[in-house]
Amino acid sequence: MTQYLVAIHHPDDYDPFASEDAAMARDIDLLNDEMIAAGVRIFVGGLQPVSRAKSLRAQPGGKVLVTDGPYIESKEHIGGFWVLEAANLDEALAWGRKAAIACRAPVEVRPFH
């Protein structure tokens, strides 16, 4: 079976305290329970706001530059994700659809190598 990343995308200014209500939290909890019962969930994690990100870039001479903020300048960033083990892409996409509904946000599904 292949592992898939199911990533939730939020706008840069996303505020979970203002955007996530009890119904949404319940829907995400139910989805997590369903994933566990199906035996597909490997790992799940929510991320701090993109304003808390640090980016690291290799520099000449073996040095690394650390800067505040995300690596990519974008209007949306990953806000959380699941790592699932699914039989195929169609099964992973079915979980992605459920994630998009529960999280009320765009979702990206991508297989691992």
N, C-alpha and C. Protein backbone atom coordinates (compact mmCIF):
# COMPACT_ATOMS: atom_id res chain seq x y z
N MET A 1 0.85 -1.19 0.00
CA MET A 1 0.00 0.00 0.00
C MET A 1 0.88 1.24 0.00
N THR A 2 0.40 2.27 -0.62
CA THR A 2 1.13 3.52 -0.76
C THR A 2 0.70 4.50 0.33
N GLN A 3 1.64 5.31 0.78
CA GLN A 3 1.31 6.37 1.72
C GLN A 3 1.04 7.66 0.95
N TYR A 4 0.08 8.42 1.44
CA TYR A 4 -0.34 9.67 0.81
C TYR A 4 -0.36 10.80 1.82
N LEU A 5 0.04 11.97 1.37
CA LEU A 5 -0.11 13.20 2.15
C LEU A 5 -1.46 13.79 1.79
N VAL A 6 -2.27 14.09 2.79
CA VAL A 6 -3.53 14.80 2.61
C VAL A 6 -3.36 16.11 3.37
N ALA A 7 -3.09 17.18 2.62
CA ALA A 7 -2.73 18.47 3.23
C ALA A 7 -3.88 19.46 3.14
N ILE A 8 -4.14 20.14 4.24
CA ILE A 8 -5.17 21.17 4.33
C ILE A 8 -4.51 22.52 4.08
N HIS A 9 -5.08 23.33 3.21
CA HIS A 9 -4.52 24.64 2.90
C HIS A 9 -5.38 25.74 3.51
N HIS A 10 -4.70 26.68 4.17
CA HIS A 10 -5.36 27.84 4.77
C HIS A 10 -4.77 29.12 4.20
N PRO A 11 -5.55 30.19 4.16
CA PRO A 11 -4.98 31.49 3.77
C PRO A 11 -4.00 31.97 4.82
N ASP A 12 -3.08 32.83 4.42
CA ASP A 12 -2.06 33.34 5.34
C ASP A 12 -2.64 33.93 6.61
N ASP A 13 -3.78 34.60 6.50
CA ASP A 13 -4.37 35.28 7.66
C ASP A 13 -5.35 34.38 8.43
N TYR A 14 -5.28 33.08 8.23
CA TYR A 14 -6.20 32.15 8.87
C TYR A 14 -6.06 32.21 10.39
N ASP A 15 -7.17 32.38 11.06
CA ASP A 15 -7.20 32.42 12.52
C ASP A 15 -8.09 31.27 13.00
N PRO A 16 -7.50 30.19 13.51
CA PRO A 16 -8.31 29.05 13.92
C PRO A 16 -9.33 29.39 15.00
N PHE A 17 -9.03 30.36 15.85
CA PHE A 17 -9.96 30.72 16.91
C PHE A 17 -11.20 31.41 16.36
N ALA A 18 -11.05 32.12 15.26
CA ALA A 18 -12.19 32.80 14.65
C ALA A 18 -12.88 31.94 13.59
N SER A 19 -12.15 30.99 13.01
CA SER A 19 -12.66 30.23 11.87
C SER A 19 -13.20 28.85 12.23
N GLU A 20 -12.72 28.27 13.31
CA GLU A 20 -13.08 26.89 13.64
C GLU A 20 -14.07 26.87 14.79
N ASP A 21 -15.28 26.41 14.50
CA ASP A 21 -16.30 26.32 15.54
C ASP A 21 -16.43 24.89 16.04
N ALA A 22 -17.34 24.68 16.98
CA ALA A 22 -17.51 23.35 17.59
C ALA A 22 -17.94 22.32 16.55
N ALA A 23 -18.77 22.72 15.60
CA ALA A 23 -19.23 21.79 14.57
C ALA A 23 -18.07 21.32 13.70
N MET A 24 -17.18 22.23 13.36
CA MET A 24 -16.02 21.87 12.54
C MET A 24 -15.10 20.94 13.33
N ALA A 25 -14.83 21.26 14.58
CA ALA A 25 -13.98 20.41 15.43
C ALA A 25 -14.58 19.01 15.54
N ARG A 26 -15.90 18.94 15.70
CA ARG A 26 -16.59 17.64 15.78
C ARG A 26 -16.42 16.87 14.48
N ASP A 27 -16.59 17.54 13.34
CA ASP A 27 -16.45 16.88 12.04
C ASP A 27 -15.04 16.34 11.82
N ILE A 28 -14.04 17.11 12.24
CA ILE A 28 -12.65 16.65 12.11
C ILE A 28 -12.39 15.47 13.04
N ASP A 29 -12.90 15.54 14.27
CA ASP A 29 -12.75 14.42 15.20
C ASP A 29 -13.41 13.15 14.65
N LEU A 30 -14.60 13.29 14.09
CA LEU A 30 -15.29 12.14 13.50
C LEU A 30 -14.50 11.56 12.33
N LEU A 31 -13.91 12.43 11.51
CA LEU A 31 -13.10 11.96 10.39
C LEU A 31 -11.88 11.22 10.90
N ASN A 32 -11.22 11.75 11.92
CA ASN A 32 -10.07 11.06 12.51
C ASN A 32 -10.47 9.69 13.04
N ASP A 33 -11.60 9.62 13.74
CA ASP A 33 -12.08 8.34 14.25
C ASP A 33 -12.34 7.36 13.11
N GLU A 34 -12.92 7.85 12.01
CA GLU A 34 -13.20 7.00 10.86
C GLU A 34 -11.90 6.49 10.22
N MET A 35 -10.91 7.38 10.12
CA MET A 35 -9.62 6.98 9.55
C MET A 35 -8.93 5.91 10.42
N ILE A 36 -9.01 6.10 11.73
CA ILE A 36 -8.41 5.12 12.65
C ILE A 36 -9.13 3.77 12.51
N ALA A 37 -10.45 3.81 12.50
CA ALA A 37 -11.24 2.57 12.39
C ALA A 37 -10.94 1.85 11.08
N ALA A 38 -10.69 2.59 10.01
CA ALA A 38 -10.39 2.00 8.71
C ALA A 38 -8.93 1.54 8.61
N GLY A 39 -8.12 1.93 9.58
CA GLY A 39 -6.72 1.53 9.59
C GLY A 39 -5.85 2.24 8.58
N VAL A 40 -6.26 3.45 8.14
CA VAL A 40 -5.50 4.17 7.11
C VAL A 40 -4.63 5.28 7.68
N ARG A 41 -4.95 5.76 8.87
CA ARG A 41 -4.24 6.92 9.41
C ARG A 41 -2.90 6.50 10.01
N ILE A 42 -1.82 7.09 9.47
CA ILE A 42 -0.47 6.86 9.96
C ILE A 42 -0.07 7.97 10.93
N PHE A 43 -0.36 9.21 10.55
CA PHE A 43 0.02 10.37 11.35
C PHE A 43 -0.90 11.52 10.98
N VAL A 44 -1.16 12.40 11.94
CA VAL A 44 -1.93 13.62 11.69
C VAL A 44 -1.30 14.75 12.50
N GLY A 45 -1.30 15.96 11.95
CA GLY A 45 -0.75 17.09 12.68
C GLY A 45 -1.30 18.40 12.16
N GLY A 46 -1.61 19.28 13.09
CA GLY A 46 -1.98 20.65 12.75
C GLY A 46 -0.75 21.53 12.93
N LEU A 47 -0.63 22.53 12.11
CA LEU A 47 0.54 23.41 12.14
C LEU A 47 0.19 24.77 12.73
N GLN A 48 1.16 25.37 13.38
CA GLN A 48 1.04 26.75 13.86
C GLN A 48 0.87 27.67 12.65
N PRO A 49 0.40 28.91 12.86
CA PRO A 49 0.25 29.84 11.73
C PRO A 49 1.56 30.03 10.97
N VAL A 50 1.43 30.35 9.69
CA VAL A 50 2.59 30.52 8.83
C VAL A 50 3.51 31.63 9.33
N SER A 51 2.99 32.55 10.10
CA SER A 51 3.81 33.63 10.67
C SER A 51 4.86 33.08 11.65
N ARG A 52 4.68 31.85 12.12
CA ARG A 52 5.63 31.23 13.05
C ARG A 52 6.69 30.40 12.32
N ALA A 53 6.61 30.33 10.99
CA ALA A 53 7.53 29.52 10.21
C ALA A 53 8.93 30.13 10.16
N LYS A 54 9.90 29.27 9.98
CA LYS A 54 11.30 29.66 9.73
C LYS A 54 11.72 28.95 8.45
N SER A 55 12.46 29.63 7.61
CA SER A 55 12.96 29.04 6.37
C SER A 55 14.47 28.95 6.42
N LEU A 56 14.99 27.84 5.95
CA LEU A 56 16.43 27.61 5.94
C LEU A 56 16.89 27.42 4.51
N ARG A 57 17.96 28.14 4.13
CA ARG A 57 18.50 28.05 2.78
C ARG A 57 20.01 27.84 2.87
N ALA A 58 20.47 26.83 2.12
CA ALA A 58 21.91 26.56 2.08
C ALA A 58 22.62 27.71 1.39
N GLN A 59 23.78 28.09 1.91
CA GLN A 59 24.58 29.17 1.38
C GLN A 59 25.97 28.62 1.01
N PRO A 60 26.72 29.35 0.23
CA PRO A 60 28.09 28.89 -0.08
C PRO A 60 28.90 28.67 1.19
N GLY A 61 29.84 27.76 1.12
CA GLY A 61 30.73 27.51 2.25
C GLY A 61 30.09 26.68 3.36
N GLY A 62 28.98 26.02 3.07
CA GLY A 62 28.36 25.16 4.06
C GLY A 62 27.54 25.89 5.11
N LYS A 63 27.29 27.17 4.91
CA LYS A 63 26.49 27.93 5.87
C LYS A 63 25.00 27.78 5.52
N VAL A 64 24.16 28.06 6.48
CA VAL A 64 22.72 28.01 6.28
C VAL A 64 22.11 29.32 6.79
N LEU A 65 21.33 29.96 5.94
CA LEU A 65 20.64 31.20 6.28
C LEU A 65 19.26 30.85 6.83
N VAL A 66 18.94 31.35 8.02
CA VAL A 66 17.63 31.14 8.63
C VAL A 66 16.89 32.47 8.60
N THR A 67 15.68 32.47 8.03
CA THR A 67 14.87 33.69 7.97
C THR A 67 13.49 33.42 8.53
N ASP A 68 12.82 34.47 8.97
CA ASP A 68 11.45 34.36 9.45
C ASP A 68 10.52 34.21 8.26
N GLY A 69 9.48 33.42 8.47
CA GLY A 69 8.44 33.28 7.45
C GLY A 69 8.57 32.03 6.61
N PRO A 70 7.57 31.82 5.78
CA PRO A 70 7.54 30.62 4.95
C PRO A 70 8.57 30.69 3.83
N TYR A 71 8.92 29.54 3.31
CA TYR A 71 9.88 29.47 2.20
C TYR A 71 9.28 30.07 0.93
N ILE A 72 8.03 29.77 0.67
CA ILE A 72 7.38 30.23 -0.56
C ILE A 72 6.44 31.40 -0.23
N GLU A 73 6.56 32.46 -0.99
CA GLU A 73 5.63 33.59 -0.87
C GLU A 73 4.34 33.17 -1.56
N SER A 74 3.27 33.04 -0.80
CA SER A 74 2.01 32.56 -1.34
C SER A 74 0.87 33.12 -0.51
N LYS A 75 -0.34 33.03 -1.02
CA LYS A 75 -1.50 33.48 -0.27
C LYS A 75 -2.07 32.37 0.61
N GLU A 76 -1.65 31.10 0.35
CA GLU A 76 -2.11 29.96 1.14
C GLU A 76 -0.92 29.09 1.52
N HIS A 77 -1.04 28.42 2.65
CA HIS A 77 -0.01 27.52 3.14
C HIS A 77 -0.66 26.32 3.80
N ILE A 78 0.10 25.27 4.00
CA ILE A 78 -0.42 24.08 4.66
C ILE A 78 -0.69 24.41 6.13
N GLY A 79 -1.91 24.13 6.55
CA GLY A 79 -2.31 24.40 7.93
C GLY A 79 -2.32 23.14 8.78
N GLY A 80 -2.36 21.99 8.12
CA GLY A 80 -2.37 20.71 8.82
C GLY A 80 -2.35 19.61 7.79
N PHE A 81 -2.15 18.37 8.25
CA PHE A 81 -2.06 17.28 7.28
C PHE A 81 -2.26 15.93 7.95
N TRP A 82 -2.58 14.96 7.12
CA TRP A 82 -2.61 13.56 7.50
C TRP A 82 -1.62 12.83 6.62
N VAL A 83 -1.03 11.78 7.14
CA VAL A 83 -0.33 10.80 6.33
C VAL A 83 -1.18 9.55 6.42
N LEU A 84 -1.67 9.09 5.26
CA LEU A 84 -2.55 7.93 5.19
C LEU A 84 -1.90 6.82 4.39
N GLU A 85 -2.28 5.60 4.68
CA GLU A 85 -1.86 4.47 3.87
C GLU A 85 -3.12 3.96 3.17
N ALA A 86 -3.12 4.05 1.85
CA ALA A 86 -4.30 3.67 1.06
C ALA A 86 -3.91 2.71 -0.05
N ALA A 87 -4.88 1.93 -0.50
CA ALA A 87 -4.64 0.94 -1.54
C ALA A 87 -4.28 1.58 -2.87
N ASN A 88 -4.84 2.79 -3.13
CA ASN A 88 -4.60 3.45 -4.41
C ASN A 88 -5.01 4.92 -4.31
N LEU A 89 -4.76 5.65 -5.39
CA LEU A 89 -5.07 7.08 -5.41
C LEU A 89 -6.55 7.34 -5.22
N ASP A 90 -7.40 6.51 -5.82
CA ASP A 90 -8.84 6.72 -5.66
C ASP A 90 -9.27 6.67 -4.20
N GLU A 91 -8.72 5.72 -3.45
CA GLU A 91 -9.05 5.64 -2.03
C GLU A 91 -8.53 6.87 -1.28
N ALA A 92 -7.31 7.30 -1.61
CA ALA A 92 -6.74 8.50 -0.97
C ALA A 92 -7.59 9.73 -1.30
N LEU A 93 -8.05 9.83 -2.54
CA LEU A 93 -8.90 10.97 -2.93
C LEU A 93 -10.23 10.94 -2.19
N ALA A 94 -10.77 9.76 -1.94
CA ALA A 94 -12.02 9.67 -1.17
C ALA A 94 -11.82 10.23 0.23
N TRP A 95 -10.68 9.92 0.86
CA TRP A 95 -10.38 10.50 2.17
C TRP A 95 -10.15 12.00 2.05
N GLY A 96 -9.50 12.44 0.96
CA GLY A 96 -9.29 13.87 0.74
C GLY A 96 -10.60 14.63 0.61
N ARG A 97 -11.56 14.04 -0.06
CA ARG A 97 -12.89 14.67 -0.17
C ARG A 97 -13.51 14.87 1.21
N LYS A 98 -13.41 13.83 2.04
CA LYS A 98 -13.96 13.93 3.39
C LYS A 98 -13.22 15.00 4.19
N ALA A 99 -11.91 15.10 4.00
CA ALA A 99 -11.12 16.11 4.70
C ALA A 99 -11.52 17.52 4.27
N ALA A 100 -11.74 17.72 2.97
CA ALA A 100 -12.15 19.04 2.48
C ALA A 100 -13.48 19.47 3.09
N ILE A 101 -14.39 18.51 3.24
CA ILE A 101 -15.69 18.82 3.84
C ILE A 101 -15.55 19.09 5.33
N ALA A 102 -14.83 18.23 6.04
CA ALA A 102 -14.69 18.39 7.50
C ALA A 102 -13.94 19.67 7.85
N CYS A 103 -12.88 19.97 7.10
CA CYS A 103 -12.03 21.13 7.41
C CYS A 103 -12.50 22.42 6.77
N ARG A 104 -13.46 22.29 5.83
CA ARG A 104 -13.98 23.48 5.13
C ARG A 104 -12.85 24.28 4.49
N ALA A 105 -11.94 23.53 3.83
CA ALA A 105 -10.76 24.16 3.24
C ALA A 105 -10.28 23.32 2.05
N PRO A 106 -9.51 23.94 1.15
CA PRO A 106 -8.94 23.18 0.06
C PRO A 106 -7.98 22.11 0.58
N VAL A 107 -7.92 20.99 -0.13
CA VAL A 107 -7.10 19.86 0.26
C VAL A 107 -6.25 19.42 -0.92
N GLU A 108 -5.02 19.05 -0.65
CA GLU A 108 -4.11 18.48 -1.65
C GLU A 108 -3.82 17.05 -1.24
N VAL A 109 -3.91 16.12 -2.20
CA VAL A 109 -3.57 14.72 -1.96
C VAL A 109 -2.36 14.39 -2.86
N ARG A 110 -1.31 13.85 -2.23
CA ARG A 110 -0.10 13.56 -3.00
C ARG A 110 0.56 12.28 -2.47
N PRO A 111 0.92 11.36 -3.38
CA PRO A 111 1.58 10.13 -2.91
C PRO A 111 3.04 10.40 -2.54
N PHE A 112 3.52 9.60 -1.58
CA PHE A 112 4.94 9.61 -1.25
C PHE A 112 5.67 8.72 -2.25
N HIS A 113 6.97 8.92 -2.41
CA HIS A 113 7.79 8.05 -3.25
C HIS A 113 7.87 6.70 -2.62
